[in-house]
Amino acid sequence: MNQGEARDVSIWKQLKNGWMAIVARFGHAQTLVILANFYVFLIGPTAIATRLGRADYLSKRGLGKGGTAWRDSDAQPATLERAKLTT
């Protein structure tokens, strides 16, 4: 490889590095726009509709003051036979 070819390679490398710096800024801006649109058009309206529809996904509405959300487990009690079956 002679001197001229080495200089050409470094010029292409410099151009590539410069282009990647520019593209990185555009990529960052594009990510912010996509995330903002995702929130504004999907998450926001879903939250508003849920709030207006009075959905209670966590079953907290009936608790009142000092209420508890404790529920008994549906699982079977732990026994030696059950422990032997799982191993």
PDB file of N, CA and C in Angstrom:
ATOM      1  N   MET A   1       0.855  -1.169   0.000  1.00  0.00           N
ATOM      2  CA  MET A   1       0.000   0.000   0.000  1.00  0.00           C
ATOM      3  C   MET A   1       0.901   1.231   0.000  1.00  0.00           C
ATOM      4  N   ASN A   2       0.659   2.134  -0.924  1.00  0.00           N
ATOM      5  CA  ASN A   2       1.503   3.325  -0.972  1.00  0.00           C
ATOM      6  C   ASN A   2       0.877   4.461  -0.176  1.00  0.00           C
ATOM      7  N   GLN A   3       1.545   5.602  -0.182  1.00  0.00           N
ATOM      8  CA  GLN A   3       1.158   6.743   0.640  1.00  0.00           C
ATOM      9  C   GLN A   3      -0.221   7.286   0.253  1.00  0.00           C
ATOM     10  N   GLY A   4      -0.544   7.325  -1.022  1.00  0.00           N
ATOM     11  CA  GLY A   4      -1.820   7.862  -1.492  1.00  0.00           C
ATOM     12  C   GLY A   4      -2.993   7.007  -1.036  1.00  0.00           C
ATOM     13  N   GLU A   5      -2.827   5.692  -1.077  1.00  0.00           N
ATOM     14  CA  GLU A   5      -3.900   4.802  -0.647  1.00  0.00           C
ATOM     15  C   GLU A   5      -4.152   4.924   0.857  1.00  0.00           C
ATOM     16  N   ALA A   6      -3.086   5.078   1.642  1.00  0.00           N
ATOM     17  CA  ALA A   6      -3.229   5.237   3.086  1.00  0.00           C
ATOM     18  C   ALA A   6      -3.987   6.521   3.404  1.00  0.00           C
ATOM     19  N   ARG A   7      -3.711   7.577   2.644  1.00  0.00           N
ATOM     20  CA  ARG A   7      -4.394   8.842   2.861  1.00  0.00           C
ATOM     21  C   ARG A   7      -5.881   8.716   2.496  1.00  0.00           C
ATOM     22  N   ASP A   8      -6.196   7.960   1.427  1.00  0.00           N
ATOM     23  CA  ASP A   8      -7.586   7.758   1.029  1.00  0.00           C
ATOM     24  C   ASP A   8      -8.359   7.001   2.107  1.00  0.00           C
ATOM     25  N   VAL A   9      -7.712   6.008   2.686  1.00  0.00           N
ATOM     26  CA  VAL A   9      -8.381   5.226   3.732  1.00  0.00           C
ATOM     27  C   VAL A   9      -8.676   6.112   4.937  1.00  0.00           C
ATOM     28  N   SER A  10      -7.748   6.942   5.316  1.00  0.00           N
ATOM     29  CA  SER A  10      -7.977   7.803   6.472  1.00  0.00           C
ATOM     30  C   SER A  10      -9.063   8.850   6.181  1.00  0.00           C
ATOM     31  N   ILE A  11      -9.151   9.317   4.940  1.00  0.00           N
ATOM     32  CA  ILE A  11     -10.204  10.266   4.586  1.00  0.00           C
ATOM     33  C   ILE A  11     -11.561   9.587   4.695  1.00  0.00           C
ATOM     34  N   TRP A  12     -11.680   8.360   4.168  1.00  0.00           N
ATOM     35  CA  TRP A  12     -12.944   7.628   4.267  1.00  0.00           C
ATOM     36  C   TRP A  12     -13.298   7.340   5.721  1.00  0.00           C
ATOM     37  N   LYS A  13     -12.289   7.038   6.514  1.00  0.00           N
ATOM     38  CA  LYS A  13     -12.535   6.776   7.931  1.00  0.00           C
ATOM     39  C   LYS A  13     -13.018   8.040   8.635  1.00  0.00           C
ATOM     40  N   GLN A  14     -12.428   9.177   8.301  1.00  0.00           N
ATOM     41  CA  GLN A  14     -12.849  10.444   8.885  1.00  0.00           C
ATOM     42  C   GLN A  14     -14.279  10.796   8.461  1.00  0.00           C
ATOM     43  N   LEU A  15     -14.592  10.570   7.188  1.00  0.00           N
ATOM     44  CA  LEU A  15     -15.944  10.832   6.712  1.00  0.00           C
ATOM     45  C   LEU A  15     -16.958   9.930   7.428  1.00  0.00           C
ATOM     46  N   LYS A  16     -16.585   8.665   7.584  1.00  0.00           N
ATOM     47  CA  LYS A  16     -17.476   7.730   8.267  1.00  0.00           C
ATOM     48  C   LYS A  16     -17.694   8.160   9.714  1.00  0.00           C
ATOM     49  N   ASN A  17     -16.644   8.520  10.415  1.00  0.00           N
ATOM     50  CA  ASN A  17     -16.774   8.947  11.809  1.00  0.00           C
ATOM     51  C   ASN A  17     -17.615  10.220  11.932  1.00  0.00           C
ATOM     52  N   GLY A  18     -17.433  11.154  10.999  1.00  0.00           N
ATOM     53  CA  GLY A  18     -18.235  12.375  11.009  1.00  0.00           C
ATOM     54  C   GLY A  18     -19.697  12.073  10.749  1.00  0.00           C
ATOM     55  N   TRP A  19     -19.946  11.194   9.765  1.00  0.00           N
ATOM     56  CA  TRP A  19     -21.320  10.818   9.457  1.00  0.00           C
ATOM     57  C   TRP A  19     -21.973  10.126  10.647  1.00  0.00           C
ATOM     58  N   MET A  20     -21.262   9.244  11.325  1.00  0.00           N
ATOM     59  CA  MET A  20     -21.807   8.537  12.479  1.00  0.00           C
ATOM     60  C   MET A  20     -22.139   9.510  13.616  1.00  0.00           C
ATOM     61  N   ALA A  21     -21.358  10.555  13.785  1.00  0.00           N
ATOM     62  CA  ALA A  21     -21.653  11.557  14.814  1.00  0.00           C
ATOM     63  C   ALA A  21     -22.952  12.296  14.487  1.00  0.00           C
ATOM     64  N   ILE A  22     -23.139  12.641  13.207  1.00  0.00           N
ATOM     65  CA  ILE A  22     -24.364  13.326  12.793  1.00  0.00           C
ATOM     66  C   ILE A  22     -25.562  12.404  12.967  1.00  0.00           C
ATOM     67  N   VAL A  23     -25.428  11.162  12.520  1.00  0.00           N
ATOM     68  CA  VAL A  23     -26.529  10.204  12.584  1.00  0.00           C
ATOM     69  C   VAL A  23     -26.896   9.890  14.034  1.00  0.00           C
ATOM     70  N   ALA A  24     -25.927   9.884  14.928  1.00  0.00           N
ATOM     71  CA  ALA A  24     -26.208   9.617  16.336  1.00  0.00           C
ATOM     72  C   ALA A  24     -27.134  10.692  16.915  1.00  0.00           C
ATOM     73  N   ARG A  25     -26.916  11.937  16.528  1.00  0.00           N
ATOM     74  CA  ARG A  25     -27.794  13.013  17.010  1.00  0.00           C
ATOM     75  C   ARG A  25     -29.200  12.868  16.454  1.00  0.00           C
ATOM     76  N   PHE A  26     -29.304  12.535  15.170  1.00  0.00           N
ATOM     77  CA  PHE A  26     -30.624  12.315  14.578  1.00  0.00           C
ATOM     78  C   PHE A  26     -31.317  11.118  15.225  1.00  0.00           C
ATOM     79  N   GLY A  27     -30.560  10.082  15.512  1.00  0.00           N
ATOM     80  CA  GLY A  27     -31.135   8.899  16.155  1.00  0.00           C
ATOM     81  C   GLY A  27     -31.673   9.217  17.539  1.00  0.00           C
ATOM     82  N   HIS A  28     -30.956  10.038  18.271  1.00  0.00           N
ATOM     83  CA  HIS A  28     -31.421  10.432  19.610  1.00  0.00           C
ATOM     84  C   HIS A  28     -32.726  11.224  19.502  1.00  0.00           C
ATOM     85  N   ALA A  29     -32.767  12.169  18.587  1.00  0.00           N
ATOM     86  CA  ALA A  29     -33.974  12.974  18.403  1.00  0.00           C
ATOM     87  C   ALA A  29     -35.141  12.095  17.942  1.00  0.00           C
ATOM     88  N   GLN A  30     -34.873  11.155  17.055  1.00  0.00           N
ATOM     89  CA  GLN A  30     -35.920  10.277  16.545  1.00  0.00           C
ATOM     90  C   GLN A  30     -36.478   9.396  17.674  1.00  0.00           C
ATOM     91  N   THR A  31     -35.620   8.934  18.555  1.00  0.00           N
ATOM     92  CA  THR A  31     -36.067   8.131  19.689  1.00  0.00           C
ATOM     93  C   THR A  31     -37.004   8.926  20.586  1.00  0.00           C
ATOM     94  N   LEU A  32     -36.664  10.174  20.854  1.00  0.00           N
ATOM     95  CA  LEU A  32     -37.526  11.016  21.681  1.00  0.00           C
ATOM     96  C   LEU A  32     -38.886  11.238  21.027  1.00  0.00           C
ATOM     97  N   VAL A  33     -38.902  11.451  19.721  1.00  0.00           N
ATOM     98  CA  VAL A  33     -40.167  11.670  19.004  1.00  0.00           C
ATOM     99  C   VAL A  33     -41.019  10.405  19.040  1.00  0.00           C
ATOM    100  N   ILE A  34     -40.408   9.249  18.820  1.00  0.00           N
ATOM    101  CA  ILE A  34     -41.161   7.988  18.831  1.00  0.00           C
ATOM    102  C   ILE A  34     -41.743   7.727  20.210  1.00  0.00           C
ATOM    103  N   LEU A  35     -40.962   7.922  21.255  1.00  0.00           N
ATOM    104  CA  LEU A  35     -41.465   7.696  22.611  1.00  0.00           C
ATOM    105  C   LEU A  35     -42.569   8.683  22.980  1.00  0.00           C
ATOM    106  N   ALA A  36     -42.426   9.925  22.569  1.00  0.00           N
ATOM    107  CA  ALA A  36     -43.466  10.917  22.848  1.00  0.00           C
ATOM    108  C   ALA A  36     -44.762  10.546  22.142  1.00  0.00           C
ATOM    109  N   ASN A  37     -44.666  10.128  20.887  1.00  0.00           N
ATOM    110  CA  ASN A  37     -45.862   9.701  20.151  1.00  0.00           C
ATOM    111  C   ASN A  37     -46.495   8.475  20.785  1.00  0.00           C
ATOM    112  N   PHE A  38     -45.684   7.545  21.245  1.00  0.00           N
ATOM    113  CA  PHE A  38     -46.182   6.339  21.903  1.00  0.00           C
ATOM    114  C   PHE A  38     -46.987   6.712  23.133  1.00  0.00           C
ATOM    115  N   TYR A  39     -46.498   7.655  23.904  1.00  0.00           N
ATOM    116  CA  TYR A  39     -47.225   8.076  25.095  1.00  0.00           C
ATOM    117  C   TYR A  39     -48.495   8.832  24.731  1.00  0.00           C
ATOM    118  N   VAL A  40     -48.377   9.809  23.836  1.00  0.00           N
ATOM    119  CA  VAL A  40     -49.510  10.680  23.514  1.00  0.00           C
ATOM    120  C   VAL A  40     -50.646   9.910  22.848  1.00  0.00           C
ATOM    121  N   PHE A  41     -50.327   8.976  21.965  1.00  0.00           N
ATOM    122  CA  PHE A  41     -51.371   8.301  21.192  1.00  0.00           C
ATOM    123  C   PHE A  41     -51.781   6.941  21.730  1.00  0.00           C
ATOM    124  N   LEU A  42     -51.016   6.366  22.652  1.00  0.00           N
ATOM    125  CA  LEU A  42     -51.374   5.038  23.151  1.00  0.00           C
ATOM    126  C   LEU A  42     -51.579   5.020  24.662  1.00  0.00           C
ATOM    127  N   ILE A  43     -50.570   5.376  25.411  1.00  0.00           N
ATOM    128  CA  ILE A  43     -50.631   5.293  26.871  1.00  0.00           C
ATOM    129  C   ILE A  43     -51.600   6.332  27.444  1.00  0.00           C
ATOM    130  N   GLY A  44     -51.504   7.561  26.990  1.00  0.00           N
ATOM    131  CA  GLY A  44     -52.356   8.629  27.506  1.00  0.00           C
ATOM    132  C   GLY A  44     -53.846   8.363  27.316  1.00  0.00           C
ATOM    133  N   PRO A  45     -54.297   8.104  26.080  1.00  0.00           N
ATOM    134  CA  PRO A  45     -55.724   7.835  25.892  1.00  0.00           C
ATOM    135  C   PRO A  45     -56.208   6.587  26.635  1.00  0.00           C
ATOM    136  N   THR A  46     -55.364   5.575  26.731  1.00  0.00           N
ATOM    137  CA  THR A  46     -55.742   4.371  27.479  1.00  0.00           C
ATOM    138  C   THR A  46     -55.949   4.706  28.947  1.00  0.00           C
ATOM    139  N   ALA A  47     -55.069   5.503  29.503  1.00  0.00           N
ATOM    140  CA  ALA A  47     -55.202   5.896  30.907  1.00  0.00           C
ATOM    141  C   ALA A  47     -56.450   6.748  31.125  1.00  0.00           C
ATOM    142  N   ILE A  48     -56.715   7.651  30.195  1.00  0.00           N
ATOM    143  CA  ILE A  48     -57.906   8.505  30.321  1.00  0.00           C
ATOM    144  C   ILE A  48     -59.174   7.667  30.216  1.00  0.00           C
ATOM    145  N   ALA A  49     -59.218   6.744  29.260  1.00  0.00           N
ATOM    146  CA  ALA A  49     -60.395   5.895  29.088  1.00  0.00           C
ATOM    147  C   ALA A  49     -60.617   5.015  30.310  1.00  0.00           C
ATOM    148  N   THR A  50     -59.546   4.502  30.867  1.00  0.00           N
ATOM    149  CA  THR A  50     -59.656   3.667  32.059  1.00  0.00           C
ATOM    150  C   THR A  50     -60.176   4.488  33.224  1.00  0.00           C
ATOM    151  N   ARG A  51     -59.679   5.696  33.353  1.00  0.00           N
ATOM    152  CA  ARG A  51     -60.108   6.563  34.448  1.00  0.00           C
ATOM    153  C   ARG A  51     -61.569   6.956  34.296  1.00  0.00           C
ATOM    154  N   LEU A  52     -61.982   7.278  33.074  1.00  0.00           N
ATOM    155  CA  LEU A  52     -63.372   7.662  32.831  1.00  0.00           C
ATOM    156  C   LEU A  52     -64.310   6.467  32.954  1.00  0.00           C
ATOM    157  N   GLY A  53     -63.825   5.277  32.608  1.00  0.00           N
ATOM    158  CA  GLY A  53     -64.642   4.077  32.696  1.00  0.00           C
ATOM    159  C   GLY A  53     -64.714   3.508  34.098  1.00  0.00           C
ATOM    160  N   ARG A  54     -64.021   4.130  35.020  1.00  0.00           N
ATOM    161  CA  ARG A  54     -64.027   3.722  36.426  1.00  0.00           C
ATOM    162  C   ARG A  54     -63.577   2.279  36.625  1.00  0.00           C
ATOM    163  N   ALA A  55     -62.635   1.822  35.817  1.00  0.00           N
ATOM    164  CA  ALA A  55     -62.111   0.466  35.987  1.00  0.00           C
ATOM    165  C   ALA A  55     -61.268   0.407  37.250  1.00  0.00           C
ATOM    166  N   ASP A  56     -61.401  -0.677  37.988  1.00  0.00           N
ATOM    167  CA  ASP A  56     -60.661  -0.860  39.241  1.00  0.00           C
ATOM    168  C   ASP A  56     -59.859  -2.154  39.132  1.00  0.00           C
ATOM    169  N   TYR A  57     -58.739  -2.081  38.439  1.00  0.00           N
ATOM    170  CA  TYR A  57     -57.946  -3.277  38.157  1.00  0.00           C
ATOM    171  C   TYR A  57     -57.271  -3.846  39.395  1.00  0.00           C
ATOM    172  N   LEU A  58     -57.047  -3.037  40.410  1.00  0.00           N
ATOM    173  CA  LEU A  58     -56.382  -3.521  41.624  1.00  0.00           C
ATOM    174  C   LEU A  58     -57.362  -3.849  42.744  1.00  0.00           C
ATOM    175  N   SER A  59     -58.640  -3.747  42.479  1.00  0.00           N
ATOM    176  CA  SER A  59     -59.696  -4.037  43.456  1.00  0.00           C
ATOM    177  C   SER A  59     -59.501  -3.246  44.751  1.00  0.00           C
ATOM    178  N   LYS A  60     -59.220  -1.966  44.604  1.00  0.00           N
ATOM    179  CA  LYS A  60     -58.978  -1.114  45.770  1.00  0.00           C
ATOM    180  C   LYS A  60     -60.194  -0.284  46.146  1.00  0.00           C
ATOM    181  N   ARG A  61     -61.189  -0.224  45.301  1.00  0.00           N
ATOM    182  CA  ARG A  61     -62.309   0.664  45.535  1.00  0.00           C
ATOM    183  C   ARG A  61     -63.091   0.289  46.790  1.00  0.00           C
ATOM    184  N   GLY A  62     -63.273  -0.998  47.064  1.00  0.00           N
ATOM    185  CA  GLY A  62     -64.085  -1.417  48.189  1.00  0.00           C
ATOM    186  C   GLY A  62     -63.359  -1.454  49.515  1.00  0.00           C
ATOM    187  N   LEU A  63     -62.117  -1.025  49.565  1.00  0.00           N
ATOM    188  CA  LEU A  63     -61.346  -1.130  50.801  1.00  0.00           C
ATOM    189  C   LEU A  63     -61.793  -0.128  51.855  1.00  0.00           C
ATOM    190  N   GLY A  64     -62.024   1.094  51.479  1.00  0.00           N
ATOM    191  CA  GLY A  64     -62.405   2.115  52.455  1.00  0.00           C
ATOM    192  C   GLY A  64     -61.259   2.427  53.401  1.00  0.00           C
ATOM    193  N   LYS A  65     -61.569   3.135  54.479  1.00  0.00           N
ATOM    194  CA  LYS A  65     -60.530   3.488  55.455  1.00  0.00           C
ATOM    195  C   LYS A  65     -60.194   2.279  56.311  1.00  0.00           C
ATOM    196  N   GLY A  66     -58.932   2.021  56.443  1.00  0.00           N
ATOM    197  CA  GLY A  66     -58.476   0.937  57.308  1.00  0.00           C
ATOM    198  C   GLY A  66     -58.779  -0.444  56.771  1.00  0.00           C
ATOM    199  N   GLY A  67     -59.231  -0.538  55.538  1.00  0.00           N
ATOM    200  CA  GLY A  67     -59.520  -1.834  54.946  1.00  0.00           C
ATOM    201  C   GLY A  67     -58.236  -2.567  54.592  1.00  0.00           C
ATOM    202  N   THR A  68     -58.361  -3.825  54.299  1.00  0.00           N
ATOM    203  CA  THR A  68     -57.196  -4.605  53.945  1.00  0.00           C
ATOM    204  C   THR A  68     -57.428  -5.283  52.599  1.00  0.00           C
ATOM    205  N   ALA A  69     -56.370  -5.487  51.889  1.00  0.00           N
ATOM    206  CA  ALA A  69     -56.446  -6.166  50.597  1.00  0.00           C
ATOM    207  C   ALA A  69     -55.959  -7.604  50.717  1.00  0.00           C
ATOM    208  N   TRP A  70     -55.849  -8.111  51.921  1.00  0.00           N
ATOM    209  CA  TRP A  70     -55.348  -9.466  52.131  1.00  0.00           C
ATOM    210  C   TRP A  70     -56.352 -10.483  51.601  1.00  0.00           C
ATOM    211  N   ARG A  71     -55.832 -11.459  50.883  1.00  0.00           N
ATOM    212  CA  ARG A  71     -56.658 -12.561  50.397  1.00  0.00           C
ATOM    213  C   ARG A  71     -55.948 -13.856  50.727  1.00  0.00           C
ATOM    214  N   ASP A  72     -56.717 -14.853  51.131  1.00  0.00           N
ATOM    215  CA  ASP A  72     -56.126 -16.149  51.433  1.00  0.00           C
ATOM    216  C   ASP A  72     -55.634 -16.799  50.143  1.00  0.00           C
ATOM    217  N   SER A  73     -54.576 -17.544  50.275  1.00  0.00           N
ATOM    218  CA  SER A  73     -53.981 -18.220  49.136  1.00  0.00           C
ATOM    219  C   SER A  73     -54.860 -19.373  48.679  1.00  0.00           C
ATOM    220  N   ASP A  74     -54.867 -19.603  47.378  1.00  0.00           N
ATOM    221  CA  ASP A  74     -55.602 -20.730  46.825  1.00  0.00           C
ATOM    222  C   ASP A  74     -54.749 -22.002  46.809  1.00  0.00           C
ATOM    223  N   ALA A  75     -53.488 -21.896  47.188  1.00  0.00           N
ATOM    224  CA  ALA A  75     -52.566 -23.028  47.130  1.00  0.00           C
ATOM    225  C   ALA A  75     -52.866 -24.037  48.235  1.00  0.00           C
ATOM    226  N   GLN A  76     -52.458 -25.247  47.987  1.00  0.00           N
ATOM    227  CA  GLN A  76     -52.625 -26.307  48.982  1.00  0.00           C
ATOM    228  C   GLN A  76     -51.583 -26.128  50.076  1.00  0.00           C
ATOM    229  N   PRO A  77     -51.851 -26.641  51.253  1.00  0.00           N
ATOM    230  CA  PRO A  77     -50.870 -26.517  52.323  1.00  0.00           C
ATOM    231  C   PRO A  77     -49.608 -27.322  51.993  1.00  0.00           C
ATOM    232  N   ALA A  78     -48.488 -26.840  52.542  1.00  0.00           N
ATOM    233  CA  ALA A  78     -47.210 -27.516  52.295  1.00  0.00           C
ATOM    234  C   ALA A  78     -47.143 -28.796  53.115  1.00  0.00           C
ATOM    235  N   THR A  79     -46.970 -29.904  52.440  1.00  0.00           N
ATOM    236  CA  THR A  79     -46.839 -31.194  53.116  1.00  0.00           C
ATOM    237  C   THR A  79     -45.599 -31.894  52.599  1.00  0.00           C
ATOM    238  N   LEU A  80     -45.166 -32.911  53.303  1.00  0.00           N
ATOM    239  CA  LEU A  80     -43.985 -33.664  52.909  1.00  0.00           C
ATOM    240  C   LEU A  80     -44.215 -34.357  51.574  1.00  0.00           C
ATOM    241  N   GLU A  81     -45.389 -34.920  51.359  1.00  0.00           N
ATOM    242  CA  GLU A  81     -45.686 -35.612  50.105  1.00  0.00           C
ATOM    243  C   GLU A  81     -45.644 -34.639  48.917  1.00  0.00           C
ATOM    244  N   ARG A  82     -46.186 -33.454  49.123  1.00  0.00           N
ATOM    245  CA  ARG A  82     -46.175 -32.460  48.050  1.00  0.00           C
ATOM    246  C   ARG A  82     -44.759 -32.026  47.720  1.00  0.00           C
ATOM    247  N   ALA A  83     -43.906 -31.898  48.733  1.00  0.00           N
ATOM    248  CA  ALA A  83     -42.518 -31.514  48.512  1.00  0.00           C
ATOM    249  C   ALA A  83     -41.771 -32.604  47.752  1.00  0.00           C
ATOM    250  N   LYS A  84     -42.075 -33.860  48.029  1.00  0.00           N
ATOM    251  CA  LYS A  84     -41.405 -34.972  47.335  1.00  0.00           C
ATOM    252  C   LYS A  84     -41.826 -35.028  45.871  1.00  0.00           C
ATOM    253  N   LEU A  85     -43.047 -34.660  45.552  1.00  0.00           N
ATOM    254  CA  LEU A  85     -43.525 -34.698  44.172  1.00  0.00           C
ATOM    255  C   LEU A  85     -42.893 -33.634  43.303  1.00  0.00           C
ATOM    256  N   THR A  86     -42.496 -32.511  43.856  1.00  0.00           N
ATOM    257  CA  THR A  86     -41.970 -31.418  43.051  1.00  0.00           C
ATOM    258  C   THR A  86     -40.504 -31.594  42.715  1.00  0.00           C
ATOM    259  N   THR A  87     -39.809 -32.480  43.386  1.00  0.00           N
ATOM    260  CA  THR A  87     -38.380 -32.646  43.081  1.00  0.00           C
ATOM    261  C   THR A  87     -38.110 -33.744  42.125  1.00  0.00           C
TER     262      THR A  87
END
